[in-house]
């Protein structure tokens, strides 16, 4: 499984008369749902870098011990040597942390980077979870979700590997049906999946959707994204409990993305209804669902999809990093399902 370093609260900064600036924060190392903590000892390196500085001005190693739930970090630097605002970086020492996500190279412990910490303010901004990887080296504000990380990594496969892959030919076929494919993602969250696809899929329009409370981070990440030439990304609010807004129902979509949206079984019926409404306007569309099955209540998703006339066309798994050798070492997968309409499109 993947573990994530998280700031429990925004980092706080204090200054002393001896020109020292001290940054304090509390972190944890936990799973995407926060229901388990990293079970083994690991070294964590905290470091400070300033605006426009591509090297660390201060660095210190801390130790996460077995049975810990939180760890306090405190790091000092000569505030005259830093170009403020600065950022605090925390990473696991000796653990795989690729700058670029790849499906066969997923990290075991994901590092974190704070938002701006200014010497004129007493704490960092509220957007406190940025990651360096996943979007061509760009740092994104992301929410922790294994299924989203795995699918985003899959979309980051190099072009040569993609041509030999089982899913990318299907994407190519579905998108060749029109000069400018349209893609919609449901429950985008931070947008890491849609943004990753936009960096691989040319000449397409992507709409990333979620509830209003997700728009700030989603729009922030879209502003930092670098889609391939002639592709576009935009964010739209979409509530599955309401009818599709006209702007999303007038033109058909070629591809529908869903990632890590089935863990809350209460929302599954409205999710399936929303996909059914989209497929009614886009009967030839492809649906890609990425999920990490956590409990049996998610089985209703497949029953409802079948009842809606949406059948499984393909299925494969992306293995997550294992923690073998630790007490709770488990082998887990993210499951990728491809759905198509089981009902023939009208002529």
C-alpha atoms as a PDB file:
ATOM      1  CA  UNK A   1       0.000   0.000   0.000  1.00  0.00           C
ATOM      2  CA  UNK A   2       0.992   3.635  -0.326  1.00  0.00           C
ATOM      3  CA  UNK A   3       1.564   5.796   2.748  1.00  0.00           C
ATOM      4  CA  UNK A   4       1.415   9.589   2.710  1.00  0.00           C
ATOM      5  CA  UNK A   5       3.253  12.130   4.839  1.00  0.00           C
ATOM      6  CA  UNK A   6       0.635  14.676   5.906  1.00  0.00           C
ATOM      7  CA  UNK A   7       0.757  17.966   7.726  1.00  0.00           C
ATOM      8  CA  UNK A   8      -1.796  17.766  10.506  1.00  0.00           C
ATOM      9  CA  UNK A   9      -1.825  21.580  10.655  1.00  0.00           C
ATOM     10  CA  UNK A  10      -0.202  24.332   8.562  1.00  0.00           C
ATOM     11  CA  UNK A  11       3.421  24.913   9.537  1.00  0.00           C
ATOM     12  CA  UNK A  12       4.035  27.812  11.940  1.00  0.00           C
ATOM     13  CA  UNK A  13       7.004  30.168  11.901  1.00  0.00           C
ATOM     14  CA  UNK A  14       8.605  32.206  14.667  1.00  0.00           C
ATOM     15  CA  UNK A  15      11.635  34.525  14.615  1.00  0.00           C
ATOM     16  CA  UNK A  16      14.257  35.213  17.257  1.00  0.00           C
ATOM     17  CA  UNK A  17      16.606  38.121  17.843  1.00  0.00           C
ATOM     18  CA  UNK A  18      19.609  36.081  16.723  1.00  0.00           C
ATOM     19  CA  UNK A  19      18.282  36.100  13.124  1.00  0.00           C
ATOM     20  CA  UNK A  20      16.935  32.595  13.505  1.00  0.00           C
ATOM     21  CA  UNK A  21      13.625  31.623  11.968  1.00  0.00           C
ATOM     22  CA  UNK A  22      12.091  28.420  13.333  1.00  0.00           C
ATOM     23  CA  UNK A  23       9.416  26.442  11.523  1.00  0.00           C
ATOM     24  CA  UNK A  24       7.335  24.018  13.583  1.00  0.00           C
ATOM     25  CA  UNK A  25       4.715  21.548  12.454  1.00  0.00           C
ATOM     26  CA  UNK A  26       3.083  18.247  13.281  1.00  0.00           C
ATOM     27  CA  UNK A  27       3.015  15.453  10.702  1.00  0.00           C
ATOM     28  CA  UNK A  28       1.755  11.912  10.376  1.00  0.00           C
ATOM     29  CA  UNK A  29       2.498   9.037   7.982  1.00  0.00           C
ATOM     30  CA  UNK A  30      -0.755   7.342   7.095  1.00  0.00           C
ATOM     31  CA  UNK A  31      -2.823   5.643   4.404  1.00  0.00           C
ATOM     32  CA  UNK A  32      -5.071   7.485   1.961  1.00  0.00           C
ATOM     33  CA  UNK A  33      -8.116   7.164   4.235  1.00  0.00           C
ATOM     34  CA  UNK A  34      -6.099   7.792   7.389  1.00  0.00           C
ATOM     35  CA  UNK A  35      -7.189   4.460   8.862  1.00  0.00           C
ATOM     36  CA  UNK A  36      -3.665   3.078   9.461  1.00  0.00           C
ATOM     37  CA  UNK A  37      -0.227   4.488  10.234  1.00  0.00           C
ATOM     38  CA  UNK A  38       3.140   3.495   8.822  1.00  0.00           C
ATOM     39  CA  UNK A  39       4.031   0.410  10.866  1.00  0.00           C
ATOM     40  CA  UNK A  40       7.817   0.485  10.793  1.00  0.00           C
ATOM     41  CA  UNK A  41      10.643   2.859  11.692  1.00  0.00           C
ATOM     42  CA  UNK A  42      11.754   5.260   8.979  1.00  0.00           C
ATOM     43  CA  UNK A  43      13.980   8.331   8.722  1.00  0.00           C
ATOM     44  CA  UNK A  44      12.255  11.509   7.590  1.00  0.00           C
ATOM     45  CA  UNK A  45      14.206  14.479   6.242  1.00  0.00           C
ATOM     46  CA  UNK A  46      12.718  17.955   6.696  1.00  0.00           C
ATOM     47  CA  UNK A  47      14.201  20.796   4.668  1.00  0.00           C
ATOM     48  CA  UNK A  48      13.537  24.450   3.918  1.00  0.00           C
ATOM     49  CA  UNK A  49      13.907  26.133   0.534  1.00  0.00           C
ATOM     50  CA  UNK A  50      13.150  29.715  -0.423  1.00  0.00           C
ATOM     51  CA  UNK A  51      11.397  31.249  -3.405  1.00  0.00           C
ATOM     52  CA  UNK A  52      13.487  30.757  -6.545  1.00  0.00           C
ATOM     53  CA  UNK A  53      16.114  28.753  -4.638  1.00  0.00           C
ATOM     54  CA  UNK A  54      16.658  25.283  -6.063  1.00  0.00           C
ATOM     55  CA  UNK A  55      18.647  24.078  -3.080  1.00  0.00           C
ATOM     56  CA  UNK A  56      17.829  23.566   0.575  1.00  0.00           C
ATOM     57  CA  UNK A  57      18.856  26.234   3.099  1.00  0.00           C
ATOM     58  CA  UNK A  58      18.393  23.952   6.096  1.00  0.00           C
ATOM     59  CA  UNK A  59      17.852  20.227   6.563  1.00  0.00           C
ATOM     60  CA  UNK A  60      17.315  17.902   9.532  1.00  0.00           C
ATOM     61  CA  UNK A  61      16.536  14.206   9.989  1.00  0.00           C
ATOM     62  CA  UNK A  62      13.722  13.047  12.252  1.00  0.00           C
ATOM     63  CA  UNK A  63      12.726   9.513  13.193  1.00  0.00           C
ATOM     64  CA  UNK A  64       9.287   7.992  12.784  1.00  0.00           C
ATOM     65  CA  UNK A  65       9.007   5.047  15.177  1.00  0.00           C
ATOM     66  CA  UNK A  66       6.715   2.048  15.243  1.00  0.00           C
ATOM     67  CA  UNK A  67       3.320   2.733  16.865  1.00  0.00           C
ATOM     68  CA  UNK A  68       3.621   6.484  16.278  1.00  0.00           C
ATOM     69  CA  UNK A  69       0.557   8.414  15.204  1.00  0.00           C
ATOM     70  CA  UNK A  70       2.115  11.876  14.946  1.00  0.00           C
ATOM     71  CA  UNK A  71       5.575  13.430  14.967  1.00  0.00           C
ATOM     72  CA  UNK A  72       6.580  16.997  15.837  1.00  0.00           C
ATOM     73  CA  UNK A  73       9.103  18.675  13.534  1.00  0.00           C
ATOM     74  CA  UNK A  74      11.141  21.779  14.362  1.00  0.00           C
ATOM     75  CA  UNK A  75      13.683  23.268  11.984  1.00  0.00           C
ATOM     76  CA  UNK A  76      15.658  26.534  12.210  1.00  0.00           C
ATOM     77  CA  UNK A  77      17.432  28.647   9.611  1.00  0.00           C
ATOM     78  CA  UNK A  78      19.115  32.058   9.404  1.00  0.00           C
ATOM     79  CA  UNK A  79      16.221  34.066   8.011  1.00  0.00           C
ATOM     80  CA  UNK A  80      18.599  36.387   6.152  1.00  0.00           C
ATOM     81  CA  UNK A  81      19.737  33.496   3.951  1.00  0.00           C
ATOM     82  CA  UNK A  82      16.275  32.577   2.693  1.00  0.00           C
ATOM     83  CA  UNK A  83      14.337  34.191  -0.124  1.00  0.00           C
ATOM     84  CA  UNK A  84      10.921  34.428   1.512  1.00  0.00           C
ATOM     85  CA  UNK A  85       8.316  33.016   1.226  1.00  0.00           C
ATOM     86  CA  UNK A  86       9.827  29.607   1.951  1.00  0.00           C
ATOM     87  CA  UNK A  87       8.466  26.073   1.896  1.00  0.00           C
ATOM     88  CA  UNK A  88       8.947  23.079   4.136  1.00  0.00           C
ATOM     89  CA  UNK A  89       9.641  19.727   2.468  1.00  0.00           C
ATOM     90  CA  UNK A  90       9.348  16.385   4.261  1.00  0.00           C
ATOM     91  CA  UNK A  91      10.422  13.112   2.637  1.00  0.00           C
ATOM     92  CA  UNK A  92      11.299   9.568   3.678  1.00  0.00           C
ATOM     93  CA  UNK A  93      15.011   8.823   3.507  1.00  0.00           C
ATOM     94  CA  UNK A  94      15.891   5.757   1.453  1.00  0.00           C
ATOM     95  CA  UNK A  95      12.346   5.234   0.174  1.00  0.00           C
ATOM     96  CA  UNK A  96      11.452   5.349  -3.494  1.00  0.00           C
ATOM     97  CA  UNK A  97      10.190   8.834  -4.354  1.00  0.00           C
ATOM     98  CA  UNK A  98      10.188   9.282  -8.136  1.00  0.00           C
ATOM     99  CA  UNK A  99       9.920  12.743  -9.622  1.00  0.00           C
ATOM    100  CA  UNK A 100       7.639  11.256 -12.277  1.00  0.00           C
ATOM    101  CA  UNK A 101       4.822   8.830 -11.545  1.00  0.00           C
ATOM    102  CA  UNK A 102       5.032   5.506 -13.335  1.00  0.00           C
ATOM    103  CA  UNK A 103       2.665   2.598 -12.826  1.00  0.00           C
ATOM    104  CA  UNK A 104       5.571   0.193 -12.228  1.00  0.00           C
ATOM    105  CA  UNK A 105       7.434   2.619  -9.959  1.00  0.00           C
ATOM    106  CA  UNK A 106       4.915   3.791  -7.371  1.00  0.00           C
ATOM    107  CA  UNK A 107       6.316   5.271  -4.144  1.00  0.00           C
ATOM    108  CA  UNK A 108       5.956   3.481  -0.814  1.00  0.00           C
ATOM    109  CA  UNK A 109       5.910   6.722   1.198  1.00  0.00           C
ATOM    110  CA  UNK A 110       4.864   9.921  -0.581  1.00  0.00           C
ATOM    111  CA  UNK A 111       6.661  13.111   0.381  1.00  0.00           C
ATOM    112  CA  UNK A 112       4.918  16.407   1.093  1.00  0.00           C
ATOM    113  CA  UNK A 113       5.663  20.072   0.585  1.00  0.00           C
ATOM    114  CA  UNK A 114       4.001  22.918   2.458  1.00  0.00           C
ATOM    115  CA  UNK A 115       2.527  25.957   0.826  1.00  0.00           C
ATOM    116  CA  UNK A 116       4.246  29.331   1.199  1.00  0.00           C
ATOM    117  CA  UNK A 117       5.502  30.248   4.673  1.00  0.00           C
ATOM    118  CA  UNK A 118       6.260  33.960   4.875  1.00  0.00           C
ATOM    119  CA  UNK A 119       8.414  35.643   7.465  1.00  0.00           C
ATOM    120  CA  UNK A 120       5.756  38.362   7.687  1.00  0.00           C
ATOM    121  CA  UNK A 121       3.117  35.796   8.597  1.00  0.00           C
ATOM    122  CA  UNK A 122       2.989  33.310  11.472  1.00  0.00           C
ATOM    123  CA  UNK A 123       1.971  30.222   9.497  1.00  0.00           C
ATOM    124  CA  UNK A 124       1.746  28.645   6.087  1.00  0.00           C
ATOM    125  CA  UNK A 125      -1.238  28.934   3.826  1.00  0.00           C
ATOM    126  CA  UNK A 126      -4.144  26.504   4.142  1.00  0.00           C
ATOM    127  CA  UNK A 127      -3.197  24.570   1.019  1.00  0.00           C
ATOM    128  CA  UNK A 128      -0.686  22.306   2.743  1.00  0.00           C
ATOM    129  CA  UNK A 129      -0.330  19.145   0.654  1.00  0.00           C
ATOM    130  CA  UNK A 130       1.748  19.556  -2.458  1.00  0.00           C
ATOM    131  CA  UNK A 131       3.594  16.778  -4.247  1.00  0.00           C
ATOM    132  CA  UNK A 132       6.398  17.142  -6.769  1.00  0.00           C
ATOM    133  CA  UNK A 133       5.449  14.275  -9.023  1.00  0.00           C
ATOM    134  CA  UNK A 134       2.734  13.246 -11.396  1.00  0.00           C
ATOM    135  CA  UNK A 135       2.474  16.100 -13.853  1.00  0.00           C
ATOM    136  CA  UNK A 136       5.680  16.432 -15.781  1.00  0.00           C
ATOM    137  CA  UNK A 137       7.662  17.483 -12.714  1.00  0.00           C
ATOM    138  CA  UNK A 138       5.075  20.038 -11.628  1.00  0.00           C
ATOM    139  CA  UNK A 139       4.094  20.241  -7.975  1.00  0.00           C
ATOM    140  CA  UNK A 140       0.379  19.768  -7.324  1.00  0.00           C
ATOM    141  CA  UNK A 141      -1.878  20.178  -4.328  1.00  0.00           C
ATOM    142  CA  UNK A 142      -3.270  16.675  -4.061  1.00  0.00           C
ATOM    143  CA  UNK A 143      -5.615  14.756  -1.863  1.00  0.00           C
ATOM    144  CA  UNK A 144      -4.329  11.329  -0.879  1.00  0.00           C
ATOM    145  CA  UNK A 145      -6.033   8.620  -2.913  1.00  0.00           C
ATOM    146  CA  UNK A 146      -4.290   5.428  -3.984  1.00  0.00           C
ATOM    147  CA  UNK A 147      -6.622   4.745  -6.913  1.00  0.00           C
ATOM    148  CA  UNK A 148      -6.088   8.232  -8.312  1.00  0.00           C
ATOM    149  CA  UNK A 149      -2.314   8.071  -7.889  1.00  0.00           C
ATOM    150  CA  UNK A 150      -2.148   4.664  -9.587  1.00  0.00           C
ATOM    151  CA  UNK A 151      -4.296   5.674 -12.576  1.00  0.00           C
ATOM    152  CA  UNK A 152      -2.407   8.962 -12.948  1.00  0.00           C
ATOM    153  CA  UNK A 153       0.836   6.954 -12.928  1.00  0.00           C
ATOM    154  CA  UNK A 154      -0.597   4.658 -15.585  1.00  0.00           C
ATOM    155  CA  UNK A 155      -1.347   7.625 -17.829  1.00  0.00           C
ATOM    156  CA  UNK A 156       2.251   8.788 -17.353  1.00  0.00           C
ATOM    157  CA  UNK A 157       3.667   5.694 -19.074  1.00  0.00           C
ATOM    158  CA  UNK A 158       6.107   6.621 -21.811  1.00  0.00           C
ATOM    159  CA  UNK A 159       4.749   6.625 -25.391  1.00  0.00           C
ATOM    160  CA  UNK A 160       6.664   3.467 -26.389  1.00  0.00           C
ATOM    161  CA  UNK A 161       5.231   1.532 -23.444  1.00  0.00           C
ATOM    162  CA  UNK A 162       1.776   2.983 -24.069  1.00  0.00           C
ATOM    163  CA  UNK A 163       1.739   1.636 -27.611  1.00  0.00           C
ATOM    164  CA  UNK A 164       2.266  -1.898 -26.262  1.00  0.00           C
ATOM    165  CA  UNK A 165      -0.293  -1.479 -23.512  1.00  0.00           C
ATOM    166  CA  UNK A 166      -3.811  -2.914 -23.459  1.00  0.00           C
ATOM    167  CA  UNK A 167      -5.668   0.272 -22.489  1.00  0.00           C
ATOM    168  CA  UNK A 168      -4.040   2.904 -24.654  1.00  0.00           C
ATOM    169  CA  UNK A 169      -5.111   1.276 -27.951  1.00  0.00           C
ATOM    170  CA  UNK A 170      -8.699   1.483 -26.702  1.00  0.00           C
ATOM    171  CA  UNK A 171      -8.204   5.142 -25.866  1.00  0.00           C
ATOM    172  CA  UNK A 172      -6.771   5.704 -29.325  1.00  0.00           C
ATOM    173  CA  UNK A 173      -9.699   3.969 -30.991  1.00  0.00           C
ATOM    174  CA  UNK A 174     -12.369   5.794 -29.015  1.00  0.00           C
ATOM    175  CA  UNK A 175     -10.706   9.161 -29.590  1.00  0.00           C
ATOM    176  CA  UNK A 176     -10.189   8.568 -33.303  1.00  0.00           C
ATOM    177  CA  UNK A 177     -13.954   8.688 -33.752  1.00  0.00           C
ATOM    178  CA  UNK A 178     -13.843  12.474 -33.707  1.00  0.00           C
ATOM    179  CA  UNK A 179     -11.405  15.225 -34.608  1.00  0.00           C
ATOM    180  CA  UNK A 180     -11.436  16.611 -31.067  1.00  0.00           C
ATOM    181  CA  UNK A 181     -12.275  14.090 -28.322  1.00  0.00           C
ATOM    182  CA  UNK A 182     -14.119  15.248 -25.227  1.00  0.00           C
ATOM    183  CA  UNK A 183     -13.266  13.776 -21.823  1.00  0.00           C
ATOM    184  CA  UNK A 184     -15.102  14.224 -18.537  1.00  0.00           C
ATOM    185  CA  UNK A 185     -13.902  13.156 -15.093  1.00  0.00           C
ATOM    186  CA  UNK A 186     -16.392  12.632 -12.278  1.00  0.00           C
ATOM    187  CA  UNK A 187     -15.351  13.318  -8.697  1.00  0.00           C
ATOM    188  CA  UNK A 188     -12.034  14.790  -9.824  1.00  0.00           C
ATOM    189  CA  UNK A 189     -10.936  15.916  -6.365  1.00  0.00           C
ATOM    190  CA  UNK A 190      -7.528  17.491  -6.892  1.00  0.00           C
ATOM    191  CA  UNK A 191      -7.550  16.614 -10.605  1.00  0.00           C
ATOM    192  CA  UNK A 192      -4.398  14.488 -10.719  1.00  0.00           C
ATOM    193  CA  UNK A 193      -5.966  11.842 -12.998  1.00  0.00           C
ATOM    194  CA  UNK A 194      -7.438  14.213 -15.576  1.00  0.00           C
ATOM    195  CA  UNK A 195      -4.340  16.402 -15.608  1.00  0.00           C
ATOM    196  CA  UNK A 196      -2.092  13.374 -16.130  1.00  0.00           C
ATOM    197  CA  UNK A 197      -4.215  12.231 -19.062  1.00  0.00           C
ATOM    198  CA  UNK A 198      -4.136  15.744 -20.549  1.00  0.00           C
ATOM    199  CA  UNK A 199      -0.373  15.438 -20.715  1.00  0.00           C
ATOM    200  CA  UNK A 200      -0.676  12.342 -22.901  1.00  0.00           C
ATOM    201  CA  UNK A 201      -3.798  12.901 -25.000  1.00  0.00           C
ATOM    202  CA  UNK A 202      -3.449  15.541 -27.752  1.00  0.00           C
ATOM    203  CA  UNK A 203      -6.192  17.597 -29.374  1.00  0.00           C
ATOM    204  CA  UNK A 204      -8.777  16.952 -26.685  1.00  0.00           C
ATOM    205  CA  UNK A 205     -10.968  18.914 -24.297  1.00  0.00           C
ATOM    206  CA  UNK A 206     -11.076  17.709 -20.693  1.00  0.00           C
ATOM    207  CA  UNK A 207     -13.720  18.724 -18.157  1.00  0.00           C
ATOM    208  CA  UNK A 208     -12.860  17.924 -14.532  1.00  0.00           C
ATOM    209  CA  UNK A 209     -15.897  17.968 -12.257  1.00  0.00           C
ATOM    210  CA  UNK A 210     -16.601  17.911  -8.541  1.00  0.00           C
ATOM    211  CA  UNK A 211     -18.607  19.667  -5.836  1.00  0.00           C
ATOM    212  CA  UNK A 212     -18.151  23.416  -5.197  1.00  0.00           C
ATOM    213  CA  UNK A 213     -15.937  22.842  -2.149  1.00  0.00           C
ATOM    214  CA  UNK A 214     -13.337  21.102  -4.341  1.00  0.00           C
ATOM    215  CA  UNK A 215     -13.098  23.906  -6.892  1.00  0.00           C
ATOM    216  CA  UNK A 216     -10.358  25.943  -5.202  1.00  0.00           C
ATOM    217  CA  UNK A 217      -7.728  23.212  -5.263  1.00  0.00           C
ATOM    218  CA  UNK A 218      -8.951  21.815  -8.589  1.00  0.00           C
ATOM    219  CA  UNK A 219      -8.704  25.176 -10.337  1.00  0.00           C
ATOM    220  CA  UNK A 220      -5.329  25.850  -8.696  1.00  0.00           C
ATOM    221  CA  UNK A 221      -3.928  22.592 -10.055  1.00  0.00           C
ATOM    222  CA  UNK A 222      -5.378  23.188 -13.507  1.00  0.00           C
ATOM    223  CA  UNK A 223      -3.646  26.575 -13.557  1.00  0.00           C
ATOM    224  CA  UNK A 224      -0.309  24.797 -13.024  1.00  0.00           C
ATOM    225  CA  UNK A 225      -0.950  21.956 -15.483  1.00  0.00           C
ATOM    226  CA  UNK A 226       0.897  21.628 -18.782  1.00  0.00           C
ATOM    227  CA  UNK A 227      -1.355  19.707 -21.179  1.00  0.00           C
ATOM    228  CA  UNK A 228       0.045  18.571 -24.499  1.00  0.00           C
ATOM    229  CA  UNK A 229      -0.283  20.823 -27.500  1.00  0.00           C
ATOM    230  CA  UNK A 230      -3.810  21.896 -28.423  1.00  0.00           C
ATOM    231  CA  UNK A 231      -5.492  20.142 -25.487  1.00  0.00           C
ATOM    232  CA  UNK A 232      -7.476  22.067 -22.882  1.00  0.00           C
ATOM    233  CA  UNK A 233      -8.623  21.505 -19.284  1.00  0.00           C
ATOM    234  CA  UNK A 234     -11.333  23.262 -17.332  1.00  0.00           C
ATOM    235  CA  UNK A 235     -13.182  22.698 -14.066  1.00  0.00           C
ATOM    236  CA  UNK A 236     -16.963  22.480 -13.678  1.00  0.00           C
ATOM    237  CA  UNK A 237     -19.135  21.948 -10.619  1.00  0.00           C
ATOM    238  CA  UNK A 238     -21.282  18.819 -10.773  1.00  0.00           C
ATOM    239  CA  UNK A 239     -23.533  17.383  -8.090  1.00  0.00           C
ATOM    240  CA  UNK A 240     -24.542  13.790  -8.773  1.00  0.00           C
ATOM    241  CA  UNK A 241     -27.766  14.312  -6.834  1.00  0.00           C
ATOM    242  CA  UNK A 242     -28.929  16.829  -9.443  1.00  0.00           C
ATOM    243  CA  UNK A 243     -29.695  16.570 -13.177  1.00  0.00           C
ATOM    244  CA  UNK A 244     -26.819  17.151 -15.555  1.00  0.00           C
ATOM    245  CA  UNK A 245     -26.374  20.869 -16.239  1.00  0.00           C
ATOM    246  CA  UNK A 246     -26.977  21.882 -19.838  1.00  0.00           C
ATOM    247  CA  UNK A 247     -23.322  22.705 -20.459  1.00  0.00           C
ATOM    248  CA  UNK A 248     -22.422  19.062 -19.765  1.00  0.00           C
ATOM    249  CA  UNK A 249     -25.343  17.401 -21.531  1.00  0.00           C
ATOM    250  CA  UNK A 250     -25.505  19.182 -24.876  1.00  0.00           C
ATOM    251  CA  UNK A 251     -22.489  17.536 -26.556  1.00  0.00           C
ATOM    252  CA  UNK A 252     -21.393  13.898 -26.248  1.00  0.00           C
ATOM    253  CA  UNK A 253     -18.228  12.764 -24.481  1.00  0.00           C
ATOM    254  CA  UNK A 254     -15.840  10.130 -25.810  1.00  0.00           C
ATOM    255  CA  UNK A 255     -14.321   9.168 -22.484  1.00  0.00           C
ATOM    256  CA  UNK A 256     -15.587   9.191 -18.872  1.00  0.00           C
ATOM    257  CA  UNK A 257     -13.080   8.899 -16.009  1.00  0.00           C
ATOM    258  CA  UNK A 258     -13.930   7.835 -12.459  1.00  0.00           C
ATOM    259  CA  UNK A 259     -11.259   7.381  -9.798  1.00  0.00           C
ATOM    260  CA  UNK A 260     -11.608   6.443  -6.130  1.00  0.00           C
ATOM    261  CA  UNK A 261     -15.302   7.325  -6.030  1.00  0.00           C
ATOM    262  CA  UNK A 262     -16.767   4.044  -4.783  1.00  0.00           C
ATOM    263  CA  UNK A 263     -15.402   3.830  -1.216  1.00  0.00           C
ATOM    264  CA  UNK A 264     -18.518   5.598   0.074  1.00  0.00           C
ATOM    265  CA  UNK A 265     -21.266   3.156  -0.822  1.00  0.00           C
ATOM    266  CA  UNK A 266     -23.956   5.764  -0.085  1.00  0.00           C
ATOM    267  CA  UNK A 267     -22.872   7.798  -3.108  1.00  0.00           C
ATOM    268  CA  UNK A 268     -22.593   4.868  -5.527  1.00  0.00           C
ATOM    269  CA  UNK A 269     -26.234   4.957  -6.762  1.00  0.00           C
ATOM    270  CA  UNK A 270     -26.072   8.626  -7.756  1.00  0.00           C
ATOM    271  CA  UNK A 271     -22.645   8.074  -9.358  1.00  0.00           C
ATOM    272  CA  UNK A 272     -24.076   5.319 -11.563  1.00  0.00           C
ATOM    273  CA  UNK A 273     -27.102   7.459 -12.403  1.00  0.00           C
ATOM    274  CA  UNK A 274     -24.789  10.296 -13.494  1.00  0.00           C
ATOM    275  CA  UNK A 275     -22.777   7.940 -15.719  1.00  0.00           C
ATOM    276  CA  UNK A 276     -26.009   6.575 -17.201  1.00  0.00           C
ATOM    277  CA  UNK A 277     -27.160  10.094 -18.059  1.00  0.00           C
ATOM    278  CA  UNK A 278     -23.842  10.821 -19.750  1.00  0.00           C
ATOM    279  CA  UNK A 279     -23.958   7.527 -21.666  1.00  0.00           C
ATOM    280  CA  UNK A 280     -27.489   8.250 -22.868  1.00  0.00           C
ATOM    281  CA  UNK A 281     -26.008  11.190 -24.779  1.00  0.00           C
ATOM    282  CA  UNK A 282     -22.722   9.384 -25.503  1.00  0.00           C
ATOM    283  CA  UNK A 283     -23.583   5.699 -26.135  1.00  0.00           C
ATOM    284  CA  UNK A 284     -20.220   4.924 -27.712  1.00  0.00           C
ATOM    285  CA  UNK A 285     -18.169   6.412 -24.896  1.00  0.00           C
ATOM    286  CA  UNK A 286     -15.609   4.485 -22.901  1.00  0.00           C
ATOM    287  CA  UNK A 287     -15.765   4.526 -19.090  1.00  0.00           C
ATOM    288  CA  UNK A 288     -12.563   3.962 -17.109  1.00  0.00           C
ATOM    289  CA  UNK A 289     -13.030   3.307 -13.383  1.00  0.00           C
ATOM    290  CA  UNK A 290     -10.091   3.118 -10.981  1.00  0.00           C
ATOM    291  CA  UNK A 291     -10.830   1.745  -7.515  1.00  0.00           C
ATOM    292  CA  UNK A 292      -9.161   0.196  -4.488  1.00  0.00           C
ATOM    293  CA  UNK A 293     -11.797  -2.111  -3.069  1.00  0.00           C
ATOM    294  CA  UNK A 294     -11.914  -1.665   0.689  1.00  0.00           C
ATOM    295  CA  UNK A 295     -15.112  -3.436   1.744  1.00  0.00           C
ATOM    296  CA  UNK A 296     -17.855  -5.672   0.396  1.00  0.00           C
ATOM    297  CA  UNK A 297     -20.411  -2.837   0.336  1.00  0.00           C
ATOM    298  CA  UNK A 298     -18.734  -1.620  -2.868  1.00  0.00           C
ATOM    299  CA  UNK A 299     -20.058  -4.694  -4.704  1.00  0.00           C
ATOM    300  CA  UNK A 300     -23.289  -2.797  -5.274  1.00  0.00           C
ATOM    301  CA  UNK A 301     -21.408  -0.668  -7.800  1.00  0.00           C
ATOM    302  CA  UNK A 302     -21.092  -3.578 -10.226  1.00  0.00           C
ATOM    303  CA  UNK A 303     -24.731  -4.613  -9.738  1.00  0.00           C
ATOM    304  CA  UNK A 304     -25.928  -1.092 -10.485  1.00  0.00           C
ATOM    305  CA  UNK A 305     -23.647  -0.745 -13.508  1.00  0.00           C
ATOM    306  CA  UNK A 306     -25.011  -3.991 -14.926  1.00  0.00           C
ATOM    307  CA  UNK A 307     -28.555  -2.830 -14.270  1.00  0.00           C
ATOM    308  CA  UNK A 308     -27.803   0.386 -16.134  1.00  0.00           C
ATOM    309  CA  UNK A 309     -26.654  -1.571 -19.181  1.00  0.00           C
ATOM    310  CA  UNK A 310     -22.974  -0.818 -18.646  1.00  0.00           C
ATOM    311  CA  UNK A 311     -20.862  -3.935 -19.011  1.00  0.00           C
ATOM    312  CA  UNK A 312     -17.231  -4.670 -18.161  1.00  0.00           C
ATOM    313  CA  UNK A 313     -15.142  -4.692 -21.342  1.00  0.00           C
ATOM    314  CA  UNK A 314     -11.726  -5.067 -19.695  1.00  0.00           C
ATOM    315  CA  UNK A 315     -10.173  -5.372 -16.241  1.00  0.00           C
ATOM    316  CA  UNK A 316      -6.608  -5.360 -14.941  1.00  0.00           C
ATOM    317  CA  UNK A 317      -4.775  -4.486 -11.747  1.00  0.00           C
ATOM    318  CA  UNK A 318      -1.967  -2.105 -10.838  1.00  0.00           C
ATOM    319  CA  UNK A 319      -0.035  -3.485  -7.833  1.00  0.00           C
ATOM    320  CA  UNK A 320       0.681  -1.078  -4.989  1.00  0.00           C
ATOM    321  CA  UNK A 321       4.017  -1.103  -3.134  1.00  0.00           C
ATOM    322  CA  UNK A 322       4.144  -3.834  -0.500  1.00  0.00           C
ATOM    323  CA  UNK A 323       5.487  -3.417   3.010  1.00  0.00           C
ATOM    324  CA  UNK A 324       6.761  -6.974   3.298  1.00  0.00           C
ATOM    325  CA  UNK A 325       8.929  -7.442   6.352  1.00  0.00           C
ATOM    326  CA  UNK A 326       6.722  -5.153   8.421  1.00  0.00           C
ATOM    327  CA  UNK A 327       4.062  -6.488  10.726  1.00  0.00           C
ATOM    328  CA  UNK A 328       1.109  -5.530   8.572  1.00  0.00           C
ATOM    329  CA  UNK A 329       2.789  -6.057   5.224  1.00  0.00           C
ATOM    330  CA  UNK A 330      -0.008  -6.571   2.709  1.00  0.00           C
ATOM    331  CA  UNK A 331      -0.252  -6.945  -1.030  1.00  0.00           C
ATOM    332  CA  UNK A 332      -2.851  -4.585  -2.465  1.00  0.00           C
ATOM    333  CA  UNK A 333      -3.932  -3.629  -5.949  1.00  0.00           C
ATOM    334  CA  UNK A 334      -5.752  -0.786  -7.598  1.00  0.00           C
ATOM    335  CA  UNK A 335      -8.322  -2.291  -9.944  1.00  0.00           C
ATOM    336  CA  UNK A 336      -8.904  -0.715 -13.362  1.00  0.00           C
ATOM    337  CA  UNK A 337     -12.227  -1.466 -15.064  1.00  0.00           C
ATOM    338  CA  UNK A 338     -13.238  -0.467 -18.567  1.00  0.00           C
ATOM    339  CA  UNK A 339     -16.990  -0.256 -19.162  1.00  0.00           C
ATOM    340  CA  UNK A 340     -18.954   0.107 -22.362  1.00  0.00           C
ATOM    341  CA  UNK A 341     -22.635   0.310 -23.066  1.00  0.00           C
ATOM    342  CA  UNK A 342     -24.133  -3.150 -23.436  1.00  0.00           C
ATOM    343  CA  UNK A 343     -26.923  -1.656 -25.486  1.00  0.00           C
ATOM    344  CA  UNK A 344     -26.348  -0.907 -29.177  1.00  0.00           C
ATOM    345  CA  UNK A 345     -26.309   2.739 -30.108  1.00  0.00           C
ATOM    346  CA  UNK A 346     -29.211   4.023 -32.160  1.00  0.00           C
ATOM    347  CA  UNK A 347     -28.396   4.351 -35.890  1.00  0.00           C
END
